[in-house]
């Protein structure tokens, strides 16, 4: 995914974070908003600019087709899967925009994109008789960027 915004009042776009979705329940919502330019392993908005991109490559593999629910009420477990991934992304502003004191956050390592790799476990689960939602737990290892410790996350919904 990518974006180019131009003009004197062009809003900044942020790169970073693990994307997910929200799940509405009868008592509220759980989960987080979907991100337009995610890069797992880094905080949301770690880079911002008027030009930005992100890319992911992911290999998903099934582990088990659980298909259980009778003894687990109110939950129904459908399938368990794993994925291996690599993410990359970057954001920047033009020299003219930086001269206008835009709050671009590419920093000193602006020539090097954010890069991470990691793994996830996904479980499709339904509550009562509703539609199934994917729960994902993962770890992302930053390979290039301002962070060097692994990031652990738990999300609702697909990664992209």
C-alpha atoms as a PDB file:
ATOM      1  CA  UNK A   1       0.000   0.000   0.000  1.00  0.00           C
ATOM      2  CA  UNK A   2       1.155   3.513  -0.558  1.00  0.00           C
ATOM      3  CA  UNK A   3       0.019   7.116  -0.437  1.00  0.00           C
ATOM      4  CA  UNK A   4       1.217  10.452  -1.823  1.00  0.00           C
ATOM      5  CA  UNK A   5      -0.366  13.608  -0.459  1.00  0.00           C
ATOM      6  CA  UNK A   6       0.466  16.986  -1.912  1.00  0.00           C
ATOM      7  CA  UNK A   7      -0.320  20.624  -1.248  1.00  0.00           C
ATOM      8  CA  UNK A   8       0.369  23.125   1.519  1.00  0.00           C
ATOM      9  CA  UNK A   9      -2.155  21.594   3.945  1.00  0.00           C
ATOM     10  CA  UNK A  10      -1.714  17.921   3.046  1.00  0.00           C
ATOM     11  CA  UNK A  11      -2.280  15.787   6.149  1.00  0.00           C
ATOM     12  CA  UNK A  12       0.418  13.406   7.314  1.00  0.00           C
ATOM     13  CA  UNK A  13      -0.035   9.643   7.104  1.00  0.00           C
ATOM     14  CA  UNK A  14       1.428   7.311   9.736  1.00  0.00           C
ATOM     15  CA  UNK A  15       3.326   4.030   9.336  1.00  0.00           C
ATOM     16  CA  UNK A  16       3.755   1.312  11.973  1.00  0.00           C
ATOM     17  CA  UNK A  17       1.829  -0.974  14.278  1.00  0.00           C
ATOM     18  CA  UNK A  18      -0.085  -4.236  13.967  1.00  0.00           C
ATOM     19  CA  UNK A  19      -3.416  -3.907  12.193  1.00  0.00           C
ATOM     20  CA  UNK A  20      -6.629  -5.492  13.369  1.00  0.00           C
ATOM     21  CA  UNK A  21     -10.332  -4.741  13.498  1.00  0.00           C
ATOM     22  CA  UNK A  22     -13.035  -4.128  16.047  1.00  0.00           C
ATOM     23  CA  UNK A  23     -15.535  -6.724  17.168  1.00  0.00           C
ATOM     24  CA  UNK A  24     -18.898  -5.413  18.376  1.00  0.00           C
ATOM     25  CA  UNK A  25     -20.453  -7.262  21.268  1.00  0.00           C
ATOM     26  CA  UNK A  26     -23.712  -6.629  23.060  1.00  0.00           C
ATOM     27  CA  UNK A  27     -21.893  -4.667  25.773  1.00  0.00           C
ATOM     28  CA  UNK A  28     -19.336  -2.776  23.672  1.00  0.00           C
ATOM     29  CA  UNK A  29     -16.473  -3.219  21.256  1.00  0.00           C
ATOM     30  CA  UNK A  30     -13.155  -4.985  21.595  1.00  0.00           C
ATOM     31  CA  UNK A  31     -10.134  -4.778  19.336  1.00  0.00           C
ATOM     32  CA  UNK A  32      -8.437  -1.913  17.537  1.00  0.00           C
ATOM     33  CA  UNK A  33      -8.950   0.038  14.341  1.00  0.00           C
ATOM     34  CA  UNK A  34      -7.535  -1.253  11.061  1.00  0.00           C
ATOM     35  CA  UNK A  35      -4.311   0.480  10.058  1.00  0.00           C
ATOM     36  CA  UNK A  36      -3.728   1.654   6.502  1.00  0.00           C
ATOM     37  CA  UNK A  37       0.078   1.217   6.551  1.00  0.00           C
ATOM     38  CA  UNK A  38       0.975  -1.365   9.227  1.00  0.00           C
ATOM     39  CA  UNK A  39       4.483  -2.597  10.008  1.00  0.00           C
ATOM     40  CA  UNK A  40       4.321  -5.140  12.838  1.00  0.00           C
ATOM     41  CA  UNK A  41       7.077  -4.858  15.429  1.00  0.00           C
ATOM     42  CA  UNK A  42       6.958  -1.053  15.666  1.00  0.00           C
ATOM     43  CA  UNK A  43       4.606   1.312  17.512  1.00  0.00           C
ATOM     44  CA  UNK A  44       1.716   2.863  15.614  1.00  0.00           C
ATOM     45  CA  UNK A  45       2.773   6.116  13.975  1.00  0.00           C
ATOM     46  CA  UNK A  46       6.507   5.579  14.480  1.00  0.00           C
ATOM     47  CA  UNK A  47       7.013   7.350  11.138  1.00  0.00           C
ATOM     48  CA  UNK A  48       4.831  10.033   9.541  1.00  0.00           C
ATOM     49  CA  UNK A  49       4.981  11.967   6.304  1.00  0.00           C
ATOM     50  CA  UNK A  50       3.087  13.014   3.192  1.00  0.00           C
ATOM     51  CA  UNK A  51       4.581  10.120   1.236  1.00  0.00           C
ATOM     52  CA  UNK A  52       4.428   6.627   2.695  1.00  0.00           C
ATOM     53  CA  UNK A  53       4.310   2.927   1.837  1.00  0.00           C
ATOM     54  CA  UNK A  54       4.158  -0.455   3.479  1.00  0.00           C
ATOM     55  CA  UNK A  55       4.390  -4.018   2.178  1.00  0.00           C
ATOM     56  CA  UNK A  56       3.881  -7.459   3.701  1.00  0.00           C
ATOM     57  CA  UNK A  57       4.662 -10.967   2.665  1.00  0.00           C
ATOM     58  CA  UNK A  58       2.968 -13.689   4.656  1.00  0.00           C
ATOM     59  CA  UNK A  59       2.907 -17.472   4.562  1.00  0.00           C
ATOM     60  CA  UNK A  60      -0.132 -18.996   6.268  1.00  0.00           C
ATOM     61  CA  UNK A  61      -0.406 -22.640   7.163  1.00  0.00           C
ATOM     62  CA  UNK A  62      -3.247 -24.603   8.775  1.00  0.00           C
ATOM     63  CA  UNK A  63      -2.551 -26.426  12.022  1.00  0.00           C
ATOM     64  CA  UNK A  64      -5.922 -27.914  12.996  1.00  0.00           C
ATOM     65  CA  UNK A  65      -9.561 -27.870  12.019  1.00  0.00           C
ATOM     66  CA  UNK A  66     -10.972 -27.866  15.537  1.00  0.00           C
ATOM     67  CA  UNK A  67     -14.713 -27.561  14.859  1.00  0.00           C
ATOM     68  CA  UNK A  68     -15.730 -27.815  18.525  1.00  0.00           C
ATOM     69  CA  UNK A  69     -18.386 -26.057  20.492  1.00  0.00           C
ATOM     70  CA  UNK A  70     -20.771 -28.376  22.345  1.00  0.00           C
ATOM     71  CA  UNK A  71     -18.720 -28.578  25.552  1.00  0.00           C
ATOM     72  CA  UNK A  72     -17.204 -25.120  25.236  1.00  0.00           C
ATOM     73  CA  UNK A  73     -20.409 -23.075  25.321  1.00  0.00           C
ATOM     74  CA  UNK A  74     -20.703 -20.139  24.773  1.00  0.00           C
ATOM     75  CA  UNK A  75     -17.628 -20.392  22.498  1.00  0.00           C
ATOM     76  CA  UNK A  76     -17.230 -22.241  19.227  1.00  0.00           C
ATOM     77  CA  UNK A  77     -13.647 -22.930  18.067  1.00  0.00           C
ATOM     78  CA  UNK A  78     -13.304 -23.393  14.316  1.00  0.00           C
ATOM     79  CA  UNK A  79      -9.716 -23.510  13.051  1.00  0.00           C
ATOM     80  CA  UNK A  80      -6.185 -22.915  14.266  1.00  0.00           C
ATOM     81  CA  UNK A  81      -3.486 -21.609  11.925  1.00  0.00           C
ATOM     82  CA  UNK A  82      -0.007 -20.120  11.960  1.00  0.00           C
ATOM     83  CA  UNK A  83       1.712 -17.572   9.766  1.00  0.00           C
ATOM     84  CA  UNK A  84       5.229 -16.355   9.142  1.00  0.00           C
ATOM     85  CA  UNK A  85       5.617 -12.807   7.870  1.00  0.00           C
ATOM     86  CA  UNK A  86       7.964 -10.013   6.858  1.00  0.00           C
ATOM     87  CA  UNK A  87       6.819  -6.376   6.849  1.00  0.00           C
ATOM     88  CA  UNK A  88       8.456  -3.195   5.607  1.00  0.00           C
ATOM     89  CA  UNK A  89       7.412   0.437   5.354  1.00  0.00           C
ATOM     90  CA  UNK A  90       8.528   4.042   5.409  1.00  0.00           C
ATOM     91  CA  UNK A  91       7.200   7.618   5.465  1.00  0.00           C
ATOM     92  CA  UNK A  92       8.812  10.920   4.567  1.00  0.00           C
ATOM     93  CA  UNK A  93       8.174  14.493   3.491  1.00  0.00           C
ATOM     94  CA  UNK A  94       9.668  16.467   0.632  1.00  0.00           C
ATOM     95  CA  UNK A  95      12.411  19.031   1.311  1.00  0.00           C
ATOM     96  CA  UNK A  96       9.885  21.840   0.737  1.00  0.00           C
ATOM     97  CA  UNK A  97       7.517  20.392   3.332  1.00  0.00           C
ATOM     98  CA  UNK A  98      10.312  19.971   5.846  1.00  0.00           C
ATOM     99  CA  UNK A  99      11.312  23.591   5.246  1.00  0.00           C
ATOM    100  CA  UNK A 100       7.735  24.573   6.232  1.00  0.00           C
ATOM    101  CA  UNK A 101       8.360  22.851   9.587  1.00  0.00           C
ATOM    102  CA  UNK A 102       6.079  19.902   8.940  1.00  0.00           C
ATOM    103  CA  UNK A 103       6.091  17.296  11.719  1.00  0.00           C
ATOM    104  CA  UNK A 104       7.587  14.521   9.617  1.00  0.00           C
ATOM    105  CA  UNK A 105       9.093  11.802  11.799  1.00  0.00           C
ATOM    106  CA  UNK A 106      11.404   9.847   9.538  1.00  0.00           C
ATOM    107  CA  UNK A 107      14.311  10.940  11.709  1.00  0.00           C
ATOM    108  CA  UNK A 108      18.020  10.501  11.086  1.00  0.00           C
ATOM    109  CA  UNK A 109      17.574   7.061   9.502  1.00  0.00           C
ATOM    110  CA  UNK A 110      15.187   8.352   6.806  1.00  0.00           C
ATOM    111  CA  UNK A 111      17.029   6.473   4.059  1.00  0.00           C
ATOM    112  CA  UNK A 112      16.373   3.100   5.733  1.00  0.00           C
ATOM    113  CA  UNK A 113      12.823   1.696   5.828  1.00  0.00           C
ATOM    114  CA  UNK A 114      11.316  -0.069   8.817  1.00  0.00           C
ATOM    115  CA  UNK A 115      11.691  -3.850   8.418  1.00  0.00           C
ATOM    116  CA  UNK A 116      10.435  -6.643  10.683  1.00  0.00           C
ATOM    117  CA  UNK A 117       9.763 -10.386  10.605  1.00  0.00           C
ATOM    118  CA  UNK A 118       7.835 -12.667  12.893  1.00  0.00           C
ATOM    119  CA  UNK A 119       5.170 -15.286  13.476  1.00  0.00           C
ATOM    120  CA  UNK A 120       1.500 -15.425  14.498  1.00  0.00           C
ATOM    121  CA  UNK A 121      -0.993 -17.970  15.752  1.00  0.00           C
ATOM    122  CA  UNK A 122      -4.591 -17.454  14.683  1.00  0.00           C
ATOM    123  CA  UNK A 123      -7.752 -18.998  16.119  1.00  0.00           C
ATOM    124  CA  UNK A 124     -11.186 -18.560  14.538  1.00  0.00           C
ATOM    125  CA  UNK A 125     -13.702 -18.350  17.373  1.00  0.00           C
ATOM    126  CA  UNK A 126     -17.408 -17.499  17.591  1.00  0.00           C
ATOM    127  CA  UNK A 127     -19.418 -16.402  20.598  1.00  0.00           C
ATOM    128  CA  UNK A 128     -22.772 -18.178  20.939  1.00  0.00           C
ATOM    129  CA  UNK A 129     -24.086 -18.548  17.384  1.00  0.00           C
ATOM    130  CA  UNK A 130     -22.513 -15.418  15.870  1.00  0.00           C
ATOM    131  CA  UNK A 131     -20.081 -15.111  13.006  1.00  0.00           C
ATOM    132  CA  UNK A 132     -16.548 -16.351  13.606  1.00  0.00           C
ATOM    133  CA  UNK A 133     -13.769 -13.829  14.255  1.00  0.00           C
ATOM    134  CA  UNK A 134     -10.044 -14.409  14.102  1.00  0.00           C
ATOM    135  CA  UNK A 135      -7.971 -13.897  17.247  1.00  0.00           C
ATOM    136  CA  UNK A 136      -4.262 -13.422  16.453  1.00  0.00           C
ATOM    137  CA  UNK A 137      -1.338 -13.529  18.848  1.00  0.00           C
ATOM    138  CA  UNK A 138       2.062 -12.767  17.454  1.00  0.00           C
ATOM    139  CA  UNK A 139       5.625 -11.679  17.925  1.00  0.00           C
ATOM    140  CA  UNK A 140       7.500  -9.384  15.546  1.00  0.00           C
ATOM    141  CA  UNK A 141      11.257  -8.908  15.529  1.00  0.00           C
ATOM    142  CA  UNK A 142      12.402  -5.499  14.253  1.00  0.00           C
ATOM    143  CA  UNK A 143      15.252  -5.966  11.774  1.00  0.00           C
ATOM    144  CA  UNK A 144      15.775  -2.333  10.782  1.00  0.00           C
ATOM    145  CA  UNK A 145      14.437   0.761  12.520  1.00  0.00           C
ATOM    146  CA  UNK A 146      14.368   2.642  15.816  1.00  0.00           C
ATOM    147  CA  UNK A 147      13.428  -0.393  17.899  1.00  0.00           C
ATOM    148  CA  UNK A 148      15.399  -3.581  18.552  1.00  0.00           C
ATOM    149  CA  UNK A 149      13.320  -5.487  21.137  1.00  0.00           C
ATOM    150  CA  UNK A 150      10.648  -7.932  19.956  1.00  0.00           C
ATOM    151  CA  UNK A 151       7.045  -6.708  20.041  1.00  0.00           C
ATOM    152  CA  UNK A 152       4.235  -8.998  21.238  1.00  0.00           C
ATOM    153  CA  UNK A 153       0.636  -8.315  20.287  1.00  0.00           C
ATOM    154  CA  UNK A 154      -2.899  -9.687  20.438  1.00  0.00           C
ATOM    155  CA  UNK A 155      -5.385  -8.572  17.769  1.00  0.00           C
ATOM    156  CA  UNK A 156      -8.883  -9.323  16.508  1.00  0.00           C
ATOM    157  CA  UNK A 157      -9.300  -9.735  12.751  1.00  0.00           C
ATOM    158  CA  UNK A 158      -7.024 -10.479   9.829  1.00  0.00           C
ATOM    159  CA  UNK A 159      -3.601  -8.884   9.428  1.00  0.00           C
ATOM    160  CA  UNK A 160      -4.530  -7.218   6.126  1.00  0.00           C
END
